[in-house]
Amino acid sequence: MDNMYDKVMESTKYIQSKNNLKPKVGVVLGSGLGDLIDVIEEIEYISYEDIPNFPKSTVIGHQGRLVFGKINGVDILAMQGRFHYFEGYTMKEVAYPIFVMKQLGIEQLILTNACGGINTDFQPGTLMIINDFINLVSDNPLIGVNDERFGTRFPDMSEPYKLDLIDKAKNIANEMGIEYKEGVYAGFMGPYYETAAEIRMIKNHGADAVGMSTVPETIAANYLGIDVLGISCITNMATGIQKHKHSHERVVETAQKASVNLSKWVAKIIENMN
């Protein structure tokens, strides 16, 4: 994406002209995980289509708008719908909103997604705290000329998901009686569901779950100096593990059922963020 910094600033200025809130906490909502919107107060929307240089979401289950408001008194910015490499966007375009979030003042980011379970201790509906990622796409949003106004040329990825945020999420889940697992998320290109042979390979690489998002945003956020917490909703078991064939409709349906607990959990995490 040419003139990335100028484009990001143009998007940022437009958003600031439409909203006076200055949130430090951002949330990206995955497929079917939109129940968090129901607990946001003083809510305001900005459609992606209205924001200069912003990509457009094309996936069912993604509303395609920024949501500003408060959760228990904390100003937040939520993305109701994200972008994927398989939609034909470059990795920089996929992660573009994270660059804009940084300019808007976001310091902590919660990434959620719907994904497939590889770890056989999981089942559809399981909520998984992401403790690391594997990038299975031979691309990432940092490729190309580096602009030091955003971040360093070679960012560290030894703690892609902030350990103190992980601890906070665990403690809150335990207090609320919400069951969760923990594991490694593998980012797959898509848009097809992985083959059984690919799942065996991904499992041997050490992944507990696989999906088609989250990794680009995680990379960009770390590059930009934003602390990240990632939570996956296991909506199906991966190919070769589950018996029936995959469907996006079933993924969204399962995510919507799990979204109630996930939304309560995320809302409480946000309330306790520094």
C-alpha atoms as a PDB file:
ATOM      1  CA  MET A   1       0.000   0.000   0.000  1.00  0.00           C
ATOM      2  CA  ASP A   2       1.714   3.155  -1.238  1.00  0.00           C
ATOM      3  CA  ASN A   3       1.857   6.229   1.032  1.00  0.00           C
ATOM      4  CA  MET A   4       0.672   4.097   3.957  1.00  0.00           C
ATOM      5  CA  TYR A   5       1.317   6.726   6.604  1.00  0.00           C
ATOM      6  CA  ASP A   6      -0.556   9.461   4.748  1.00  0.00           C
ATOM      7  CA  LYS A   7      -3.506   7.141   4.109  1.00  0.00           C
ATOM      8  CA  VAL A   8      -3.642   6.060   7.747  1.00  0.00           C
ATOM      9  CA  MET A   9      -3.618   9.674   8.881  1.00  0.00           C
ATOM     10  CA  GLU A  10      -6.397  10.550   6.434  1.00  0.00           C
ATOM     11  CA  SER A  11      -8.534   7.711   7.832  1.00  0.00           C
ATOM     12  CA  THR A  12      -7.704   8.754  11.384  1.00  0.00           C
ATOM     13  CA  LYS A  13      -8.645  12.400  10.853  1.00  0.00           C
ATOM     14  CA  TYR A  14     -11.968  11.424   9.297  1.00  0.00           C
ATOM     15  CA  ILE A  15     -12.843   9.172  12.248  1.00  0.00           C
ATOM     16  CA  GLN A  16     -11.817  11.864  14.740  1.00  0.00           C
ATOM     17  CA  SER A  17     -14.064  14.360  12.945  1.00  0.00           C
ATOM     18  CA  LYS A  18     -17.044  12.060  13.568  1.00  0.00           C
ATOM     19  CA  ASN A  19     -16.344  11.075  17.164  1.00  0.00           C
ATOM     20  CA  ASN A  20     -14.945  12.779  20.273  1.00  0.00           C
ATOM     21  CA  LEU A  21     -14.122   9.653  22.308  1.00  0.00           C
ATOM     22  CA  LYS A  22     -10.454   8.797  22.876  1.00  0.00           C
ATOM     23  CA  PRO A  23     -10.486   5.071  23.673  1.00  0.00           C
ATOM     24  CA  LYS A  24      -7.334   3.223  24.687  1.00  0.00           C
ATOM     25  CA  VAL A  25      -8.918  -0.239  24.383  1.00  0.00           C
ATOM     26  CA  GLY A  26      -9.771  -1.830  21.037  1.00  0.00           C
ATOM     27  CA  VAL A  27     -11.651  -5.029  20.212  1.00  0.00           C
ATOM     28  CA  VAL A  28     -11.894  -6.988  16.960  1.00  0.00           C
ATOM     29  CA  LEU A  29     -15.001  -9.173  16.757  1.00  0.00           C
ATOM     30  CA  GLY A  30     -14.807 -12.413  14.781  1.00  0.00           C
ATOM     31  CA  SER A  31     -17.557 -14.221  12.845  1.00  0.00           C
ATOM     32  CA  GLY A  32     -20.752 -14.513  14.889  1.00  0.00           C
ATOM     33  CA  LEU A  33     -19.163 -12.933  17.979  1.00  0.00           C
ATOM     34  CA  GLY A  34     -21.120  -9.699  17.971  1.00  0.00           C
ATOM     35  CA  ASP A  35     -22.993  -9.966  21.289  1.00  0.00           C
ATOM     36  CA  LEU A  36     -20.478  -7.606  22.902  1.00  0.00           C
ATOM     37  CA  ILE A  37     -22.166  -4.780  20.994  1.00  0.00           C
ATOM     38  CA  ASP A  38     -25.278  -5.261  23.152  1.00  0.00           C
ATOM     39  CA  VAL A  39     -23.447  -4.226  26.340  1.00  0.00           C
ATOM     40  CA  ILE A  40     -21.845  -1.093  24.883  1.00  0.00           C
ATOM     41  CA  GLU A  41     -23.353   2.156  26.155  1.00  0.00           C
ATOM     42  CA  GLU A  42     -23.431   5.584  24.445  1.00  0.00           C
ATOM     43  CA  ILE A  43     -22.867   3.718  21.207  1.00  0.00           C
ATOM     44  CA  GLU A  44     -21.904   5.356  17.909  1.00  0.00           C
ATOM     45  CA  TYR A  45     -21.238   3.702  14.557  1.00  0.00           C
ATOM     46  CA  ILE A  46     -19.034   4.585  11.599  1.00  0.00           C
ATOM     47  CA  SER A  47     -19.409   2.425   8.486  1.00  0.00           C
ATOM     48  CA  TYR A  48     -16.196   1.171   6.921  1.00  0.00           C
ATOM     49  CA  GLU A  49     -17.546   2.343   3.566  1.00  0.00           C
ATOM     50  CA  ASP A  50     -17.482   5.947   4.787  1.00  0.00           C
ATOM     51  CA  ILE A  51     -13.878   5.923   6.003  1.00  0.00           C
ATOM     52  CA  PRO A  52     -11.275   7.048   3.434  1.00  0.00           C
ATOM     53  CA  ASN A  53      -8.861   4.252   2.400  1.00  0.00           C
ATOM     54  CA  PHE A  54     -10.606   1.626   4.594  1.00  0.00           C
ATOM     55  CA  PRO A  55     -11.133  -1.866   3.133  1.00  0.00           C
ATOM     56  CA  LYS A  56     -14.663  -3.263   2.831  1.00  0.00           C
ATOM     57  CA  SER A  57     -15.737  -6.464   4.599  1.00  0.00           C
ATOM     58  CA  THR A  58     -17.204  -9.122   2.293  1.00  0.00           C
ATOM     59  CA  VAL A  59     -17.725 -12.067   4.681  1.00  0.00           C
ATOM     60  CA  ILE A  60     -21.135 -13.129   6.024  1.00  0.00           C
ATOM     61  CA  GLY A  61     -21.309 -12.475   9.776  1.00  0.00           C
ATOM     62  CA  HIS A  62     -19.148  -9.340   9.578  1.00  0.00           C
ATOM     63  CA  GLN A  63     -21.164  -6.112   9.872  1.00  0.00           C
ATOM     64  CA  GLY A  64     -18.465  -3.808   8.539  1.00  0.00           C
ATOM     65  CA  ARG A  65     -18.424  -0.868  10.948  1.00  0.00           C
ATOM     66  CA  LEU A  66     -16.466   0.748  13.751  1.00  0.00           C
ATOM     67  CA  VAL A  67     -18.312   0.921  17.057  1.00  0.00           C
ATOM     68  CA  PHE A  68     -17.468   3.574  19.651  1.00  0.00           C
ATOM     69  CA  GLY A  69     -18.894   3.582  23.175  1.00  0.00           C
ATOM     70  CA  LYS A  70     -18.349   2.635  26.795  1.00  0.00           C
ATOM     71  CA  ILE A  71     -18.293  -0.655  28.667  1.00  0.00           C
ATOM     72  CA  ASN A  72     -18.650  -0.141  32.409  1.00  0.00           C
ATOM     73  CA  GLY A  73     -17.280   3.364  32.046  1.00  0.00           C
ATOM     74  CA  VAL A  74     -14.311   2.393  29.855  1.00  0.00           C
ATOM     75  CA  ASP A  75     -14.124   4.019  26.408  1.00  0.00           C
ATOM     76  CA  ILE A  76     -13.688   1.390  23.704  1.00  0.00           C
ATOM     77  CA  LEU A  77     -13.407   1.066  19.949  1.00  0.00           C
ATOM     78  CA  ALA A  78     -14.687  -2.179  18.428  1.00  0.00           C
ATOM     79  CA  MET A  79     -14.362  -3.497  14.905  1.00  0.00           C
ATOM     80  CA  GLN A  80     -17.597  -5.253  14.009  1.00  0.00           C
ATOM     81  CA  GLY A  81     -16.174  -7.211  11.125  1.00  0.00           C
ATOM     82  CA  ARG A  82     -12.575  -7.716   9.987  1.00  0.00           C
ATOM     83  CA  PHE A  83     -10.685  -8.295   6.752  1.00  0.00           C
ATOM     84  CA  HIS A  84      -8.992 -11.451   5.497  1.00  0.00           C
ATOM     85  CA  TYR A  85      -6.185 -12.259   3.084  1.00  0.00           C
ATOM     86  CA  PHE A  86      -8.501 -14.643   1.226  1.00  0.00           C
ATOM     87  CA  GLU A  87     -10.792 -11.731   0.305  1.00  0.00           C
ATOM     88  CA  GLY A  88      -8.073 -10.562  -2.063  1.00  0.00           C
ATOM     89  CA  TYR A  89      -6.568  -7.887   0.171  1.00  0.00           C
ATOM     90  CA  THR A  90      -2.849  -7.532   0.737  1.00  0.00           C
ATOM     91  CA  MET A  91      -1.624  -8.262   4.248  1.00  0.00           C
ATOM     92  CA  LYS A  92      -1.102  -4.526   4.792  1.00  0.00           C
ATOM     93  CA  GLU A  93      -4.739  -3.926   3.847  1.00  0.00           C
ATOM     94  CA  VAL A  94      -5.873  -6.715   6.180  1.00  0.00           C
ATOM     95  CA  ALA A  95      -4.021  -5.067   9.071  1.00  0.00           C
ATOM     96  CA  TYR A  96      -4.780  -1.494   7.997  1.00  0.00           C
ATOM     97  CA  PRO A  97      -7.391  -0.857  10.741  1.00  0.00           C
ATOM     98  CA  ILE A  98      -4.810  -1.709  13.406  1.00  0.00           C
ATOM     99  CA  PHE A  99      -2.534   1.040  12.071  1.00  0.00           C
ATOM    100  CA  VAL A 100      -5.483   3.436  12.310  1.00  0.00           C
ATOM    101  CA  MET A 101      -6.316   2.236  15.837  1.00  0.00           C
ATOM    102  CA  LYS A 102      -2.783   3.089  16.922  1.00  0.00           C
ATOM    103  CA  GLN A 103      -3.154   6.644  15.637  1.00  0.00           C
ATOM    104  CA  LEU A 104      -6.499   6.907  17.429  1.00  0.00           C
ATOM    105  CA  GLY A 105      -4.730   6.129  20.726  1.00  0.00           C
ATOM    106  CA  ILE A 106      -5.399   2.405  21.194  1.00  0.00           C
ATOM    107  CA  GLU A 107      -2.907   0.874  23.641  1.00  0.00           C
ATOM    108  CA  GLN A 108      -4.499  -2.513  24.335  1.00  0.00           C
ATOM    109  CA  LEU A 109      -6.249  -4.739  21.806  1.00  0.00           C
ATOM    110  CA  ILE A 110      -8.481  -7.795  22.252  1.00  0.00           C
ATOM    111  CA  LEU A 111      -8.660 -10.009  19.164  1.00  0.00           C
ATOM    112  CA  THR A 112     -11.424 -12.607  18.913  1.00  0.00           C
ATOM    113  CA  ASN A 113     -12.069 -15.171  16.213  1.00  0.00           C
ATOM    114  CA  ALA A 114     -14.045 -18.239  15.256  1.00  0.00           C
ATOM    115  CA  CYS A 115     -11.773 -21.137  14.372  1.00  0.00           C
ATOM    116  CA  GLY A 116     -11.344 -24.899  14.073  1.00  0.00           C
ATOM    117  CA  GLY A 117     -10.119 -27.093  16.903  1.00  0.00           C
ATOM    118  CA  ILE A 118      -7.129 -29.383  16.415  1.00  0.00           C
ATOM    119  CA  ASN A 119      -6.479 -30.235  20.066  1.00  0.00           C
ATOM    120  CA  THR A 120      -8.848 -33.141  20.807  1.00  0.00           C
ATOM    121  CA  ASP A 121      -9.394 -31.833  24.343  1.00  0.00           C
ATOM    122  CA  PHE A 122     -11.475 -29.124  22.668  1.00  0.00           C
ATOM    123  CA  GLN A 123     -15.031 -29.269  21.355  1.00  0.00           C
ATOM    124  CA  PRO A 124     -17.313 -26.850  19.502  1.00  0.00           C
ATOM    125  CA  GLY A 125     -18.056 -23.961  21.843  1.00  0.00           C
ATOM    126  CA  THR A 126     -14.707 -24.114  23.670  1.00  0.00           C
ATOM    127  CA  LEU A 127     -13.147 -20.709  24.393  1.00  0.00           C
ATOM    128  CA  MET A 128      -9.352 -20.678  23.988  1.00  0.00           C
ATOM    129  CA  ILE A 129      -6.913 -18.037  25.181  1.00  0.00           C
ATOM    130  CA  ILE A 130      -4.237 -17.708  22.490  1.00  0.00           C
ATOM    131  CA  ASN A 131      -0.723 -17.904  23.944  1.00  0.00           C
ATOM    132  CA  ASP A 132       1.194 -17.901  20.641  1.00  0.00           C
ATOM    133  CA  PHE A 133       0.678 -18.052  16.883  1.00  0.00           C
ATOM    134  CA  ILE A 134       2.042 -19.792  13.811  1.00  0.00           C
ATOM    135  CA  ASN A 135       1.926 -17.898  10.511  1.00  0.00           C
ATOM    136  CA  LEU A 136       1.165 -20.428   7.765  1.00  0.00           C
ATOM    137  CA  VAL A 137       0.826 -17.728   5.100  1.00  0.00           C
ATOM    138  CA  SER A 138       4.032 -16.828   3.270  1.00  0.00           C
ATOM    139  CA  ASP A 139       3.290 -13.142   3.737  1.00  0.00           C
ATOM    140  CA  ASN A 140       2.784 -10.638   6.539  1.00  0.00           C
ATOM    141  CA  PRO A 141       1.791  -6.963   6.909  1.00  0.00           C
ATOM    142  CA  LEU A 142       5.341  -5.744   7.576  1.00  0.00           C
ATOM    143  CA  ILE A 143       6.822  -6.747   4.213  1.00  0.00           C
ATOM    144  CA  GLY A 144       8.044  -3.802   2.170  1.00  0.00           C
ATOM    145  CA  VAL A 145       9.767  -0.520   2.943  1.00  0.00           C
ATOM    146  CA  ASN A 146       9.592   0.220   6.678  1.00  0.00           C
ATOM    147  CA  ASP A 147       8.292   3.545   7.952  1.00  0.00           C
ATOM    148  CA  GLU A 148       9.945   4.266  11.311  1.00  0.00           C
ATOM    149  CA  ARG A 149       6.995   6.488  12.234  1.00  0.00           C
ATOM    150  CA  PHE A 150       5.064   3.254  12.749  1.00  0.00           C
ATOM    151  CA  GLY A 151       7.687   0.933  14.227  1.00  0.00           C
ATOM    152  CA  THR A 152      11.087  -0.722  14.029  1.00  0.00           C
ATOM    153  CA  ARG A 153      12.230  -2.718  11.008  1.00  0.00           C
ATOM    154  CA  PHE A 154      12.598  -5.986  12.985  1.00  0.00           C
ATOM    155  CA  PRO A 155       9.955  -6.146  15.756  1.00  0.00           C
ATOM    156  CA  ASP A 156      10.243  -8.689  18.551  1.00  0.00           C
ATOM    157  CA  MET A 157       7.604 -11.447  18.673  1.00  0.00           C
ATOM    158  CA  SER A 158       8.696 -13.266  21.828  1.00  0.00           C
ATOM    159  CA  GLU A 159       5.481 -12.201  23.598  1.00  0.00           C
ATOM    160  CA  PRO A 160       2.875 -11.648  20.853  1.00  0.00           C
ATOM    161  CA  TYR A 161       0.071 -12.029  23.388  1.00  0.00           C
ATOM    162  CA  LYS A 162       0.803 -10.009  26.525  1.00  0.00           C
ATOM    163  CA  LEU A 163       1.371 -12.298  29.495  1.00  0.00           C
ATOM    164  CA  ASP A 164      -0.170  -9.956  32.051  1.00  0.00           C
ATOM    165  CA  LEU A 165      -3.317  -9.699  29.900  1.00  0.00           C
ATOM    166  CA  ILE A 166      -3.441 -13.489  29.657  1.00  0.00           C
ATOM    167  CA  ASP A 167      -3.160 -13.756  33.449  1.00  0.00           C
ATOM    168  CA  LYS A 168      -5.882 -11.138  33.871  1.00  0.00           C
ATOM    169  CA  ALA A 169      -8.183 -13.006  31.468  1.00  0.00           C
ATOM    170  CA  LYS A 170      -7.615 -16.285  33.321  1.00  0.00           C
ATOM    171  CA  ASN A 171      -8.276 -14.767  36.738  1.00  0.00           C
ATOM    172  CA  ILE A 172     -11.472 -13.107  35.558  1.00  0.00           C
ATOM    173  CA  ALA A 173     -12.710 -16.287  33.864  1.00  0.00           C
ATOM    174  CA  ASN A 174     -12.069 -18.244  37.060  1.00  0.00           C
ATOM    175  CA  GLU A 175     -13.969 -15.657  39.118  1.00  0.00           C
ATOM    176  CA  MET A 176     -16.890 -15.736  36.672  1.00  0.00           C
ATOM    177  CA  GLY A 177     -16.956 -19.522  36.372  1.00  0.00           C
ATOM    178  CA  ILE A 178     -16.274 -19.391  32.631  1.00  0.00           C
ATOM    179  CA  GLU A 179     -14.477 -22.448  31.281  1.00  0.00           C
ATOM    180  CA  TYR A 180     -11.557 -21.882  28.914  1.00  0.00           C
ATOM    181  CA  LYS A 181      -8.565 -23.609  27.379  1.00  0.00           C
ATOM    182  CA  GLU A 182      -5.210 -22.202  26.300  1.00  0.00           C
ATOM    183  CA  GLY A 183      -3.257 -22.893  23.136  1.00  0.00           C
ATOM    184  CA  VAL A 184      -1.463 -21.970  19.932  1.00  0.00           C
ATOM    185  CA  TYR A 185      -3.397 -20.496  17.009  1.00  0.00           C
ATOM    186  CA  ALA A 186      -2.280 -21.223  13.441  1.00  0.00           C
ATOM    187  CA  GLY A 187      -3.202 -18.724  10.749  1.00  0.00           C
ATOM    188  CA  PHE A 188      -4.156 -20.435   7.477  1.00  0.00           C
ATOM    189  CA  MET A 189      -4.691 -18.616   4.166  1.00  0.00           C
ATOM    190  CA  GLY A 190      -8.124 -20.013   3.280  1.00  0.00           C
ATOM    191  CA  PRO A 191     -10.796 -19.562   2.078  1.00  0.00           C
ATOM    192  CA  TYR A 192     -11.248 -23.327   1.899  1.00  0.00           C
ATOM    193  CA  TYR A 193     -11.353 -25.451   5.034  1.00  0.00           C
ATOM    194  CA  GLU A 194      -8.062 -27.289   5.476  1.00  0.00           C
ATOM    195  CA  THR A 195      -7.556 -30.846   4.225  1.00  0.00           C
ATOM    196  CA  ALA A 196      -7.030 -33.704   6.670  1.00  0.00           C
ATOM    197  CA  ALA A 197      -3.384 -33.948   5.562  1.00  0.00           C
ATOM    198  CA  GLU A 198      -2.877 -30.241   6.199  1.00  0.00           C
ATOM    199  CA  ILE A 199      -4.415 -30.583   9.654  1.00  0.00           C
ATOM    200  CA  ARG A 200      -2.018 -33.422  10.488  1.00  0.00           C
ATOM    201  CA  MET A 201       0.863 -31.193   9.386  1.00  0.00           C
ATOM    202  CA  ILE A 202      -0.432 -28.187  11.354  1.00  0.00           C
ATOM    203  CA  LYS A 203      -0.898 -30.369  14.443  1.00  0.00           C
ATOM    204  CA  ASN A 204       2.692 -31.595  14.121  1.00  0.00           C
ATOM    205  CA  HIS A 205       3.791 -27.953  14.024  1.00  0.00           C
ATOM    206  CA  GLY A 206       2.305 -27.536  17.507  1.00  0.00           C
ATOM    207  CA  ALA A 207      -1.010 -25.803  16.799  1.00  0.00           C
ATOM    208  CA  ASP A 208      -4.112 -26.323  18.929  1.00  0.00           C
ATOM    209  CA  ALA A 209      -6.472 -24.421  16.634  1.00  0.00           C
ATOM    210  CA  VAL A 210      -6.518 -23.119  13.072  1.00  0.00           C
ATOM    211  CA  GLY A 211      -8.268 -20.175  11.458  1.00  0.00           C
ATOM    212  CA  MET A 212      -8.060 -17.620   8.683  1.00  0.00           C
ATOM    213  CA  SER A 213      -7.519 -14.383  10.623  1.00  0.00           C
ATOM    214  CA  THR A 214      -5.926 -12.819  13.722  1.00  0.00           C
ATOM    215  CA  VAL A 215      -2.258 -13.419  12.867  1.00  0.00           C
ATOM    216  CA  PRO A 216      -1.877 -10.318  10.618  1.00  0.00           C
ATOM    217  CA  GLU A 217      -3.502  -8.108  13.265  1.00  0.00           C
ATOM    218  CA  THR A 218      -1.315  -9.611  15.989  1.00  0.00           C
ATOM    219  CA  ILE A 219       1.855  -8.950  13.991  1.00  0.00           C
ATOM    220  CA  ALA A 220       0.822  -5.375  13.190  1.00  0.00           C
ATOM    221  CA  ALA A 221      -0.219  -4.606  16.773  1.00  0.00           C
ATOM    222  CA  ASN A 222       3.091  -5.830  18.192  1.00  0.00           C
ATOM    223  CA  TYR A 223       4.967  -3.831  15.573  1.00  0.00           C
ATOM    224  CA  LEU A 224       2.998  -0.723  16.557  1.00  0.00           C
ATOM    225  CA  GLY A 225       3.535  -1.214  20.300  1.00  0.00           C
ATOM    226  CA  ILE A 226      -0.038  -2.274  21.141  1.00  0.00           C
ATOM    227  CA  ASP A 227      -0.503  -4.963  23.830  1.00  0.00           C
ATOM    228  CA  VAL A 228      -2.614  -7.877  22.552  1.00  0.00           C
ATOM    229  CA  LEU A 229      -4.962 -10.430  24.115  1.00  0.00           C
ATOM    230  CA  GLY A 230      -6.348 -13.118  21.809  1.00  0.00           C
ATOM    231  CA  ILE A 231      -9.369 -15.339  22.453  1.00  0.00           C
ATOM    232  CA  SER A 232     -10.654 -17.959  20.009  1.00  0.00           C
ATOM    233  CA  CYS A 233     -14.050 -19.604  19.885  1.00  0.00           C
ATOM    234  CA  ILE A 234     -13.730 -23.187  18.671  1.00  0.00           C
ATOM    235  CA  THR A 235     -16.727 -23.473  16.353  1.00  0.00           C
ATOM    236  CA  ASN A 236     -15.898 -26.831  14.765  1.00  0.00           C
ATOM    237  CA  MET A 237     -13.283 -29.530  14.934  1.00  0.00           C
ATOM    238  CA  ALA A 238     -10.821 -29.538  12.065  1.00  0.00           C
ATOM    239  CA  THR A 239     -10.974 -31.803   9.018  1.00  0.00           C
ATOM    240  CA  GLY A 240     -10.173 -35.417   9.832  1.00  0.00           C
ATOM    241  CA  ILE A 241     -11.205 -34.899  13.467  1.00  0.00           C
ATOM    242  CA  GLN A 242     -14.895 -34.095  13.096  1.00  0.00           C
ATOM    243  CA  LYS A 243     -17.087 -36.511  11.126  1.00  0.00           C
ATOM    244  CA  HIS A 244     -19.361 -34.132   9.209  1.00  0.00           C
ATOM    245  CA  LYS A 245     -18.423 -31.645   6.496  1.00  0.00           C
ATOM    246  CA  HIS A 246     -17.758 -27.982   7.239  1.00  0.00           C
ATOM    247  CA  SER A 247     -20.116 -25.074   6.622  1.00  0.00           C
ATOM    248  CA  HIS A 248     -19.727 -21.373   7.386  1.00  0.00           C
ATOM    249  CA  GLU A 249     -23.349 -21.223   8.520  1.00  0.00           C
ATOM    250  CA  ARG A 250     -22.646 -23.815  11.230  1.00  0.00           C
ATOM    251  CA  VAL A 251     -19.517 -21.906  12.261  1.00  0.00           C
ATOM    252  CA  VAL A 252     -21.522 -18.690  12.712  1.00  0.00           C
ATOM    253  CA  GLU A 253     -24.305 -20.529  14.556  1.00  0.00           C
ATOM    254  CA  THR A 254     -21.878 -22.105  17.047  1.00  0.00           C
ATOM    255  CA  ALA A 255     -20.041 -18.806  17.520  1.00  0.00           C
ATOM    256  CA  GLN A 256     -23.312 -17.016  18.265  1.00  0.00           C
ATOM    257  CA  LYS A 257     -24.126 -19.541  20.989  1.00  0.00           C
ATOM    258  CA  ALA A 258     -20.681 -19.158  22.580  1.00  0.00           C
ATOM    259  CA  SER A 259     -20.752 -15.388  22.112  1.00  0.00           C
ATOM    260  CA  VAL A 260     -22.860 -14.854  25.234  1.00  0.00           C
ATOM    261  CA  ASN A 261     -20.149 -16.129  27.600  1.00  0.00           C
ATOM    262  CA  LEU A 262     -17.350 -14.635  25.527  1.00  0.00           C
ATOM    263  CA  SER A 263     -18.990 -11.210  25.549  1.00  0.00           C
ATOM    264  CA  LYS A 264     -19.507 -11.258  29.328  1.00  0.00           C
ATOM    265  CA  TRP A 265     -15.884 -12.311  29.753  1.00  0.00           C
ATOM    266  CA  VAL A 266     -14.470  -9.664  27.402  1.00  0.00           C
ATOM    267  CA  ALA A 267     -16.628  -6.950  28.987  1.00  0.00           C
ATOM    268  CA  LYS A 268     -15.235  -7.815  32.428  1.00  0.00           C
ATOM    269  CA  ILE A 269     -11.676  -7.885  31.085  1.00  0.00           C
ATOM    270  CA  ILE A 270     -12.168  -4.436  29.571  1.00  0.00           C
ATOM    271  CA  GLU A 271     -13.559  -3.118  32.855  1.00  0.00           C
ATOM    272  CA  ASN A 272     -10.351  -4.242  34.582  1.00  0.00           C
ATOM    273  CA  MET A 273      -7.868  -3.003  31.998  1.00  0.00           C
ATOM    274  CA  ASN A 274      -5.396  -0.370  33.154  1.00  0.00           C
END
